[in-house]
Amino acid sequence: LGVSIEQIMFYDLSHLVQTNCSHMVVLPPLTLDGHLLVGRSYEWKPEEEDLRLCTTQVQGRARHLGFSLLLFGRMEGMNEHGLSLTMSGGMAAGLPYEWNKRTGLNFWVVQRGILEGCRDLRDALETLRAYPPSSNVNMLLAERSGRAALVEIRAGEMRVKEIDSSSEWPYLVSTNHYILPGMAEHNHHQFILNTSLPRAEAIRACIEGGQPAVTRETLRGILTKEVPNGCFGPYYSDGFGTLWSMIFDLTVGEVEICFGAPGHNPWRTFTLESAGELREYEANFPDKRT
C-alpha cells in the first residue's frame, strides 16, 4: 500500500476501541492531612499495552511522569507544576461501534501535550477547547492549588464541571459513562459496561464514608477491592484486568503505583526526581474468567 511502518503503528490505536478505567479526585477539605489526592486504575489486556512507566524531560517543556501509549503518547500523568491528568474511556458508553467523524488528534496525543505544555487547570482546559480530542473520553484534571475538573468529550463535543475547596462536594469520580448535563443523554445503556455504574457508586460511597479523613490508604482500599465493590478487575483474558493502579499526592509531588493486580503486587512510590536508570518490575496478573 506504500504506507510506512510508523504510520501503521500510529493508526493502530487511532480508532475507537473499548477501554475501561476508574479515576477519582479528592480535594483537601475531605482529606485527613489536607493533601489533594487522585486515584486511578487502568484495565485492559496485558499483551496489548506498553506496560511502560516514563519520566520524561523535553528541553523547554514541563517534566512529567506517566504510562506511555505507543511510546509517544501518555495514558495519564503528573507534571512538575503539580498538574495531573487521568482518563477513562467514554467510548464504552457513548458510541462504541460508530466512528467518530470529527477529525483531530487522539486523546493520548492531546494528553501528552497537556502534561508537557500546561502549568495549571486553566491552561489545560484552554488546550482541550482549542484541540478537543477526536476520541470519546472522560478526563479528570487537578492542580496542586486545590482545583479540579471533570471533562467529558464525545465526538469533539465537550462538557466541563469544575470544583474547588469551597464546593459543596469537593470530589470527582468518573468511570465509563457520561454524567454531565448535555452528555448523559448520549449514554447508550445497552452498551455501558456492566461494571461502570457499580464502580462509580462504590468509589463515591468510599469517599463520602471516609470524609473528612480520606487518606491514601482509603483510595488504596477502593482500588484493591474487586468489582463490583471496587475498581480491581481480575478478568485479564476478557479485557477487564487491572494493569496498574495509581495514587497521586499532588501536594507533595508523589505517586504510589501498583504494577499489576492490586492486592497481589506491592505499591511503590515515585517522584519526578527519583527517575534513574532503566528498571524492570515483575507483576502478577491472576486471571479469572467471567
Protein backbone atom coordinates (compact mmCIF):
# COMPACT_ATOMS: atom_id res chain seq x y z
CA LEU A 1 0.00 0.00 0.00
CA GLY A 2 3.01 2.29 0.18
CA VAL A 3 2.33 3.02 3.86
CA SER A 4 5.27 3.28 6.26
CA ILE A 5 5.54 1.07 9.34
CA GLU A 6 5.47 4.19 11.52
CA GLN A 7 2.12 5.27 10.06
CA ILE A 8 0.67 1.80 10.57
CA MET A 9 1.71 1.83 14.25
CA PHE A 10 0.28 5.33 14.76
CA TYR A 11 -3.08 4.45 13.22
CA ASP A 12 -3.30 1.12 15.05
CA LEU A 13 -4.60 2.89 18.18
CA SER A 14 -6.22 5.83 16.40
CA HIS A 15 -9.58 4.10 16.08
CA LEU A 16 -12.35 3.51 18.60
CA VAL A 17 -11.64 0.64 20.93
CA GLN A 18 -13.30 -0.25 24.20
CA THR A 19 -11.32 0.96 27.20
CA ASN A 20 -12.14 0.75 30.87
CA CYS A 21 -10.56 2.55 33.88
CA SER A 22 -11.77 4.26 37.05
CA HIS A 23 -10.48 7.52 38.50
CA MET A 24 -11.25 10.00 41.27
CA VAL A 25 -10.09 13.34 42.74
CA VAL A 26 -10.45 14.24 46.43
CA LEU A 27 -9.76 17.84 47.43
CA PRO A 28 -8.22 18.92 50.79
CA PRO A 29 -11.49 19.58 52.72
CA LEU A 30 -12.14 15.82 52.65
CA THR A 31 -8.60 14.52 53.31
CA LEU A 32 -7.05 13.88 56.71
CA ASP A 33 -3.75 15.65 56.01
CA GLY A 34 -5.13 18.39 53.77
CA HIS A 35 -3.45 16.95 50.68
CA LEU A 36 -5.01 16.76 47.21
CA LEU A 37 -5.30 13.09 46.20
CA VAL A 38 -6.01 11.50 42.82
CA GLY A 39 -6.72 7.77 42.37
CA ARG A 40 -6.67 5.87 39.12
CA SER A 41 -6.80 2.29 37.81
CA TYR A 42 -6.39 1.09 34.26
CA GLU A 43 -7.97 -2.13 32.98
CA TRP A 44 -7.27 -3.95 29.72
CA LYS A 45 -5.22 -6.88 28.40
CA PRO A 46 -1.51 -7.03 29.40
CA GLU A 47 -0.35 -8.11 25.96
CA GLU A 48 -1.97 -5.10 24.27
CA GLU A 49 -0.33 -2.30 26.28
CA ASP A 50 3.12 -0.76 26.58
CA LEU A 51 3.38 -1.53 30.34
CA ARG A 52 5.97 1.26 30.38
CA LEU A 53 6.23 3.98 33.03
CA CYS A 54 8.13 7.01 31.75
CA THR A 55 9.63 10.07 33.39
CA THR A 56 10.09 12.50 30.52
CA GLN A 57 12.03 15.74 30.18
CA VAL A 58 12.00 17.54 26.85
CA GLN A 59 14.04 20.73 26.72
CA GLY A 60 11.78 23.74 27.22
CA ARG A 61 8.79 21.62 28.29
CA ALA A 62 7.44 20.51 31.65
CA ARG A 63 8.87 17.33 33.14
CA HIS A 64 6.19 14.68 33.67
CA LEU A 65 5.61 11.10 34.75
CA GLY A 66 3.05 8.62 33.41
CA PHE A 67 2.47 5.43 31.45
CA SER A 68 3.08 5.52 27.71
CA LEU A 69 0.81 4.53 24.85
CA LEU A 70 2.63 3.73 21.59
CA LEU A 71 5.67 5.12 23.46
CA PHE A 72 4.95 8.69 22.28
CA GLY A 73 1.52 9.13 23.86
CA ARG A 74 0.55 9.26 27.53
CA MET A 75 -2.27 7.47 29.34
CA GLU A 76 -2.15 9.79 32.36
CA GLY A 77 0.43 11.69 34.36
CA MET A 78 1.64 14.37 36.74
CA ASN A 79 3.95 17.20 35.77
CA GLU A 80 6.47 19.36 37.60
CA HIS A 81 3.92 22.15 38.10
CA GLY A 82 1.63 19.91 40.17
CA LEU A 83 -0.89 19.32 37.40
CA SER A 84 -2.32 15.82 36.99
CA LEU A 85 -4.41 14.24 34.24
CA THR A 86 -6.19 10.87 34.27
CA MET A 87 -8.61 9.35 31.79
CA SER A 88 -11.26 6.70 31.29
CA GLY A 89 -12.92 5.53 28.10
CA GLY A 90 -16.13 7.34 27.32
CA MET A 91 -16.37 5.30 24.15
CA ALA A 92 -17.59 2.34 26.17
CA ALA A 93 -20.72 4.32 26.97
CA GLY A 94 -21.11 6.70 24.06
CA LEU A 95 -20.98 5.22 20.59
CA PRO A 96 -18.72 2.18 20.83
CA TYR A 97 -19.42 0.84 17.36
CA GLU A 98 -19.82 4.11 15.45
CA TRP A 99 -16.89 6.02 14.02
CA ASN A 100 -16.29 9.50 15.29
CA LYS A 101 -16.46 11.59 12.12
CA ARG A 102 -14.62 14.55 13.62
CA THR A 103 -11.00 14.77 12.53
CA GLY A 104 -8.31 15.61 15.03
CA LEU A 105 -5.82 14.16 17.46
CA ASN A 106 -6.48 11.13 19.61
CA PHE A 107 -6.64 11.52 23.39
CA TRP A 108 -3.18 10.07 24.05
CA VAL A 109 -1.55 12.76 21.88
CA VAL A 110 -3.51 15.63 23.47
CA GLN A 111 -2.76 14.31 26.97
CA ARG A 112 0.97 14.30 26.25
CA GLY A 113 0.66 17.90 25.08
CA ILE A 114 -1.18 18.97 28.24
CA LEU A 115 1.35 17.34 30.56
CA GLU A 116 4.28 18.93 28.72
CA GLY A 117 2.79 22.33 27.97
CA CYS A 118 0.38 23.33 30.76
CA ARG A 119 1.04 24.80 34.19
CA ASP A 120 -2.42 24.68 35.73
CA LEU A 121 -6.06 23.74 35.26
CA ARG A 122 -6.92 26.83 33.25
CA ASP A 123 -4.09 26.14 30.79
CA ALA A 124 -5.23 22.53 30.43
CA LEU A 125 -8.87 23.45 29.77
CA GLU A 126 -7.86 26.08 27.22
CA THR A 127 -5.75 23.47 25.44
CA LEU A 128 -8.64 20.99 25.39
CA ARG A 129 -11.01 23.61 24.00
CA ALA A 130 -8.51 24.51 21.29
CA TYR A 131 -7.65 20.89 20.47
CA PRO A 132 -10.54 18.67 21.60
CA PRO A 133 -9.61 15.00 21.17
CA SER A 134 -11.44 13.14 18.43
CA SER A 135 -11.81 10.26 20.92
CA ASN A 136 -14.80 9.72 23.20
CA VAL A 137 -13.11 10.08 26.57
CA ASN A 138 -13.57 11.26 30.16
CA MET A 139 -10.73 13.19 31.81
CA LEU A 140 -10.08 14.31 35.38
CA LEU A 141 -7.71 17.26 35.72
CA ALA A 142 -6.40 18.53 39.05
CA GLU A 143 -3.89 21.13 40.15
CA ARG A 144 -1.87 21.36 43.35
CA SER A 145 -3.57 24.58 44.49
CA GLY A 146 -6.87 22.74 45.12
CA ARG A 147 -8.87 22.93 41.90
CA ALA A 148 -10.09 20.10 39.68
CA ALA A 149 -12.36 19.43 36.71
CA LEU A 150 -14.24 16.57 35.10
CA VAL A 151 -14.17 16.83 31.29
CA GLU A 152 -16.45 14.61 29.21
CA ILE A 153 -15.81 14.51 25.47
CA ARG A 154 -17.84 12.93 22.70
CA ALA A 155 -17.08 13.45 19.01
CA GLY A 156 -15.35 16.74 19.77
CA GLU A 157 -18.25 17.98 21.94
CA MET A 158 -17.07 18.80 25.46
CA ARG A 159 -18.72 19.44 28.84
CA VAL A 160 -16.82 20.53 31.96
CA LYS A 161 -17.55 20.51 35.68
CA GLU A 162 -15.06 22.45 37.82
CA ILE A 163 -14.71 22.22 41.59
CA ASP A 164 -12.53 23.77 44.28
CA SER A 165 -12.20 23.51 48.04
CA SER A 166 -15.31 25.64 48.60
CA SER A 167 -17.56 23.34 46.54
CA GLU A 168 -20.40 21.54 48.33
CA TRP A 169 -18.97 18.18 47.24
CA PRO A 170 -15.21 18.70 46.70
CA TYR A 171 -14.53 15.44 44.91
CA LEU A 172 -14.99 13.95 41.43
CA VAL A 173 -15.48 10.40 40.17
CA SER A 174 -15.52 9.03 36.62
CA THR A 175 -15.71 5.57 35.10
CA ASN A 176 -17.03 4.61 31.64
CA HIS A 177 -20.25 6.53 31.22
CA TYR A 178 -21.22 10.18 30.95
CA ILE A 179 -22.83 12.03 33.88
CA LEU A 180 -22.75 15.73 32.96
CA PRO A 181 -25.79 17.58 31.54
CA GLY A 182 -25.62 17.62 27.77
CA MET A 183 -23.61 14.40 27.75
CA ALA A 184 -25.53 11.91 29.89
CA GLU A 185 -28.32 11.68 27.32
CA HIS A 186 -25.77 10.25 24.86
CA ASN A 187 -25.26 7.15 27.01
CA HIS A 188 -26.39 4.05 25.16
CA HIS A 189 -27.37 1.97 28.16
CA GLN A 190 -27.21 -1.29 26.27
CA PHE A 191 -23.51 -0.59 25.67
CA ILE A 192 -22.48 0.71 29.13
CA LEU A 193 -20.07 -1.72 30.76
CA ASN A 194 -21.96 -3.62 33.44
CA THR A 195 -19.19 -2.68 35.88
CA SER A 196 -19.20 1.06 35.14
CA LEU A 197 -22.14 2.19 37.30
CA PRO A 198 -21.30 -0.09 40.28
CA ARG A 199 -17.67 1.08 40.27
CA ALA A 200 -18.69 4.73 40.31
CA GLU A 201 -21.16 4.11 43.15
CA ALA A 202 -18.58 2.18 45.17
CA ILE A 203 -15.99 4.96 44.79
CA ARG A 204 -18.48 7.65 45.85
CA ALA A 205 -19.55 5.60 48.87
CA CYS A 206 -15.91 5.11 49.85
CA ILE A 207 -15.08 8.82 49.64
CA GLU A 208 -18.25 10.01 51.36
CA GLY A 209 -17.88 7.36 54.06
CA GLY A 210 -14.27 8.40 54.69
CA GLN A 211 -14.75 12.17 54.77
CA PRO A 212 -13.33 14.33 56.22
CA ALA A 213 -10.47 11.91 56.84
CA VAL A 214 -9.80 10.39 53.41
CA THR A 215 -6.20 9.18 53.08
CA ARG A 216 -4.05 7.39 50.55
CA GLU A 217 -5.00 4.21 52.37
CA THR A 218 -8.68 4.99 51.74
CA LEU A 219 -8.07 5.20 48.00
CA ARG A 220 -5.78 2.16 48.10
CA GLY A 221 -8.65 0.22 49.64
CA ILE A 222 -11.18 1.03 46.90
CA LEU A 223 -8.57 0.42 44.19
CA THR A 224 -7.82 -3.01 45.67
CA LYS A 225 -11.40 -4.22 46.15
CA GLU A 226 -12.69 -6.40 43.35
CA VAL A 227 -15.52 -5.23 41.10
CA PRO A 228 -18.39 -4.52 41.61
CA ASN A 229 -17.44 -3.34 45.13
CA GLY A 230 -14.24 -1.65 43.99
CA CYS A 231 -12.07 -0.95 40.97
CA PHE A 232 -9.90 -4.07 40.68
CA GLY A 233 -10.70 -6.17 37.62
CA PRO A 234 -9.18 -9.70 37.58
CA TYR A 235 -10.61 -10.64 34.17
CA TYR A 236 -7.46 -10.25 32.08
CA SER A 237 -8.38 -12.69 29.31
CA ASP A 238 -11.72 -10.95 28.87
CA GLY A 239 -10.30 -7.41 28.62
CA PHE A 240 -11.05 -6.16 32.14
CA GLY A 241 -7.83 -6.81 34.01
CA THR A 242 -6.16 -4.14 36.14
CA LEU A 243 -2.76 -3.42 34.59
CA TRP A 244 -1.80 -0.69 37.06
CA SER A 245 -3.23 1.40 39.90
CA MET A 246 -2.01 4.84 40.94
CA ILE A 247 -2.45 7.34 43.79
CA PHE A 248 -1.16 10.84 43.09
CA ASP A 249 -0.46 13.15 46.04
CA LEU A 250 -0.18 16.46 44.22
CA THR A 251 0.58 18.36 47.43
CA VAL A 252 3.94 16.64 47.88
CA GLY A 253 4.50 15.57 44.26
CA GLU A 254 4.47 11.80 44.82
CA VAL A 255 2.69 8.94 43.09
CA GLU A 256 2.20 5.45 44.51
CA ILE A 257 1.93 2.78 41.81
CA CYS A 258 0.98 -0.87 41.92
CA PHE A 259 2.11 -2.69 38.78
CA GLY A 260 -0.37 -5.48 38.01
CA ALA A 261 -3.17 -6.67 40.24
CA PRO A 262 -3.56 -4.66 43.49
CA GLY A 263 -3.52 -6.97 46.48
CA HIS A 264 -1.20 -9.32 44.59
CA ASN A 265 1.68 -6.88 44.00
CA PRO A 266 3.44 -4.23 46.12
CA TRP A 267 2.88 -0.48 45.94
CA ARG A 268 5.93 1.60 45.05
CA THR A 269 6.46 5.36 45.43
CA PHE A 270 7.84 7.51 42.62
CA THR A 271 8.63 11.21 42.22
CA LEU A 272 9.80 13.24 39.27
CA GLU A 273 13.21 13.40 40.92
CA SER A 274 13.54 9.66 41.50
CA ALA A 275 13.96 8.65 37.86
CA GLY A 276 17.23 6.92 37.13
CA GLU A 277 18.42 4.07 35.02
CA LEU A 278 16.04 1.74 33.19
CA ARG A 279 14.43 -0.71 35.62
CA GLU A 280 12.09 -3.65 35.19
CA TYR A 281 9.49 -4.85 37.71
CA GLU A 282 7.76 -8.20 37.88
CA ALA A 283 3.97 -8.15 38.22
CA ASN A 284 1.35 -10.80 38.88
CA PHE A 285 -1.85 -10.93 36.80
CA PRO A 286 -4.07 -13.58 38.47
CA ASP A 287 -6.64 -14.24 35.76
CA LYS A 288 -10.29 -15.06 36.35
CA ARG A 289 -12.84 -15.91 33.67
CA THR A 290 -16.26 -14.32 33.55
